[in-house]
Protein backbone atom coordinates (compact mmCIF):
# COMPACT_ATOMS: atom_id res chain seq x y z
CA UNK A 1 157.67 56.20 40.49
CA UNK A 2 155.69 58.83 38.65
CA UNK A 3 152.10 59.57 39.54
CA UNK A 4 150.45 58.23 36.32
CA UNK A 5 152.46 55.01 36.53
CA UNK A 6 151.51 54.60 40.18
CA UNK A 7 147.85 55.22 39.37
CA UNK A 8 147.96 52.60 36.61
CA UNK A 9 149.72 50.11 38.88
CA UNK A 10 147.14 50.63 41.60
CA UNK A 11 144.27 50.16 39.11
CA UNK A 12 145.84 46.96 37.79
CA UNK A 13 146.25 45.68 41.35
CA UNK A 14 142.64 46.58 42.15
CA UNK A 15 141.28 44.76 39.09
CA UNK A 16 143.40 41.74 39.97
CA UNK A 17 142.06 41.66 43.53
CA UNK A 18 138.51 42.14 42.28
CA UNK A 19 138.85 39.30 39.77
CA UNK A 20 140.27 36.91 42.37
CA UNK A 21 137.60 37.87 44.91
CA UNK A 22 134.77 37.39 42.41
CA UNK A 23 136.16 34.05 41.26
CA UNK A 24 136.52 32.78 44.83
CA UNK A 25 133.04 34.14 45.56
CA UNK A 26 131.59 32.20 42.62
CA UNK A 27 133.27 29.00 43.79
CA UNK A 28 132.05 29.39 47.38
CA UNK A 29 128.58 30.43 46.26
CA UNK A 30 128.26 27.48 43.87
CA UNK A 31 129.28 24.98 46.54
CA UNK A 32 127.11 26.49 49.27
CA UNK A 33 124.13 26.81 46.93
CA UNK A 34 124.16 23.23 45.69
CA UNK A 35 125.23 21.53 48.91
CA UNK A 36 123.42 23.43 51.69
CA UNK A 37 121.47 26.58 50.91
CA UNK A 38 119.09 25.62 48.09
CA UNK A 39 120.15 22.35 46.42
CA UNK A 40 118.18 20.92 43.53
CA UNK A 41 117.68 17.73 45.55
CA UNK A 42 117.29 17.33 49.31
CA UNK A 43 120.61 16.66 51.03
CA UNK A 44 122.79 18.21 48.34
CA UNK A 45 123.27 17.83 44.65
CA UNK A 46 125.96 16.59 42.30
CA UNK A 47 125.36 19.87 40.50
CA UNK A 48 127.96 21.28 42.91
CA UNK A 49 130.57 19.89 40.51
CA UNK A 50 129.80 22.87 38.28
CA UNK A 51 132.41 24.85 40.23
CA UNK A 52 135.29 22.60 39.16
CA UNK A 53 135.99 24.55 35.94
CA UNK A 54 136.19 27.71 38.06
CA UNK A 55 139.06 26.28 40.09
CA UNK A 56 141.31 26.00 37.02
CA UNK A 57 141.82 29.73 36.39
CA UNK A 58 142.44 30.51 40.05
CA UNK A 59 146.14 29.61 39.82
CA UNK A 60 146.53 31.70 36.66
CA UNK A 61 144.94 34.72 38.29
CA UNK A 62 147.16 34.37 41.34
CA UNK A 63 150.22 34.14 39.05
CA UNK A 64 148.92 37.18 37.14
CA UNK A 65 148.88 35.48 33.74
CA UNK A 66 147.30 37.65 31.07
CA UNK A 67 146.07 34.67 29.06
CA UNK A 68 144.02 33.44 32.05
CA UNK A 69 142.23 36.77 32.35
CA UNK A 70 141.32 36.57 28.68
CA UNK A 71 139.81 33.09 28.60
CA UNK A 72 138.17 33.51 32.00
CA UNK A 73 136.28 36.50 30.61
CA UNK A 74 134.73 34.06 28.12
CA UNK A 75 134.14 31.19 30.56
CA UNK A 76 132.28 33.40 33.01
CA UNK A 77 129.40 33.87 30.54
CA UNK A 78 128.34 30.23 31.05
CA UNK A 79 127.82 30.93 34.74
CA UNK A 80 126.14 34.25 33.95
CA UNK A 81 123.67 32.40 31.73
CA UNK A 82 122.95 29.86 34.44
CA UNK A 83 122.38 32.65 36.95
CA UNK A 84 119.95 34.50 34.69
CA UNK A 85 118.02 31.32 33.84
CA UNK A 86 117.74 30.21 37.45
CA UNK A 87 116.85 33.72 38.64
CA UNK A 88 113.91 33.85 36.25
CA UNK A 89 112.77 30.22 36.43
CA UNK A 90 110.47 30.57 39.43
CA UNK A 91 112.47 28.45 41.87
CA UNK A 92 112.43 29.19 45.61
CA UNK A 93 113.11 32.69 46.87
CA UNK A 94 116.49 31.58 48.24
CA UNK A 95 117.48 30.08 44.89
CA UNK A 96 116.38 33.21 43.05
CA UNK A 97 118.46 35.39 45.38
CA UNK A 98 121.51 33.16 45.00
CA UNK A 99 121.11 33.25 41.22
CA UNK A 100 120.99 37.05 41.29
CA UNK A 101 124.18 37.12 43.39
CA UNK A 102 125.84 34.72 40.94
CA UNK A 103 124.84 36.94 38.03
CA UNK A 104 126.26 40.02 39.77
CA UNK A 105 129.53 38.23 40.57
CA UNK A 106 129.82 37.14 36.93
CA UNK A 107 129.37 40.68 35.65
CA UNK A 108 131.92 42.01 38.14
CA UNK A 109 134.37 39.26 37.20
CA UNK A 110 134.00 40.02 33.50
CA UNK A 111 134.51 43.74 34.04
CA UNK A 112 137.53 43.11 36.28
CA UNK A 113 139.13 40.79 33.70
CA UNK A 114 138.45 43.12 30.78
CA UNK A 115 139.79 46.17 32.62
CA UNK A 116 142.81 44.27 33.86
CA UNK A 117 143.80 43.21 30.35
CA UNK A 118 143.15 46.67 28.93
CA UNK A 119 145.14 48.47 31.64
CA UNK A 120 148.09 46.10 31.37
CA UNK A 121 148.24 46.34 27.60
CA UNK A 122 147.97 50.13 27.70
CA UNK A 123 150.75 50.33 30.30
CA UNK A 124 152.96 47.96 28.30
CA UNK A 125 152.90 50.22 25.25
CA UNK A 126 152.45 49.62 21.55
CA UNK A 127 155.53 47.38 21.20
CA UNK A 128 154.17 44.91 23.75
CA UNK A 129 150.76 44.91 22.09
CA UNK A 130 152.37 44.22 18.70
CA UNK A 131 154.41 41.39 20.22
CA UNK A 132 151.26 39.99 21.84
CA UNK A 133 149.40 40.06 18.52
CA UNK A 134 152.36 38.43 16.76
CA UNK A 135 152.47 35.66 19.37
CA UNK A 136 148.74 35.04 19.00
CA UNK A 137 149.07 34.90 15.21
CA UNK A 138 151.98 32.48 15.49
CA UNK A 139 150.02 30.22 17.84
CA UNK A 140 147.07 30.25 15.45
CA UNK A 141 149.33 29.39 12.51
CA UNK A 142 150.88 26.53 14.50
CA UNK A 143 147.43 25.18 15.38
CA UNK A 144 146.39 25.37 11.74
CA UNK A 145 149.57 23.59 10.66
CA UNK A 146 148.97 20.85 13.24
CA UNK A 147 145.52 20.18 11.79
CA UNK A 148 146.99 19.64 8.33
């Protein structure tokens, strides 16, 4: 394997590991925050269910599906927004710290997903990118036809 290809492969693997670690970190943080560390109500909160949408992309990341990285990079902004709002809302010091950690994990997850997609598309070459665009256009046309 040539050196540039190995470097690209190692970067792709790193971004994949970072994305999985950040996603698992967000799930664990959300559960711990709302059930034990600083719940909205004493004894835990149903707000812990907020982590359920985060469990869906975990399988896609582990299977290395490009589509999952793309839509996860959009989903993560909901959790980023929650982290920023709760970090600045004047809750307890523990809650503010947890919100700051959540915000940091969200930014890292977004960067990891964006870099992962970019590196994989660049390594695949222009033909793969063109095929990817054609597949997306075809899916959009099918969705539009289904609405009619």
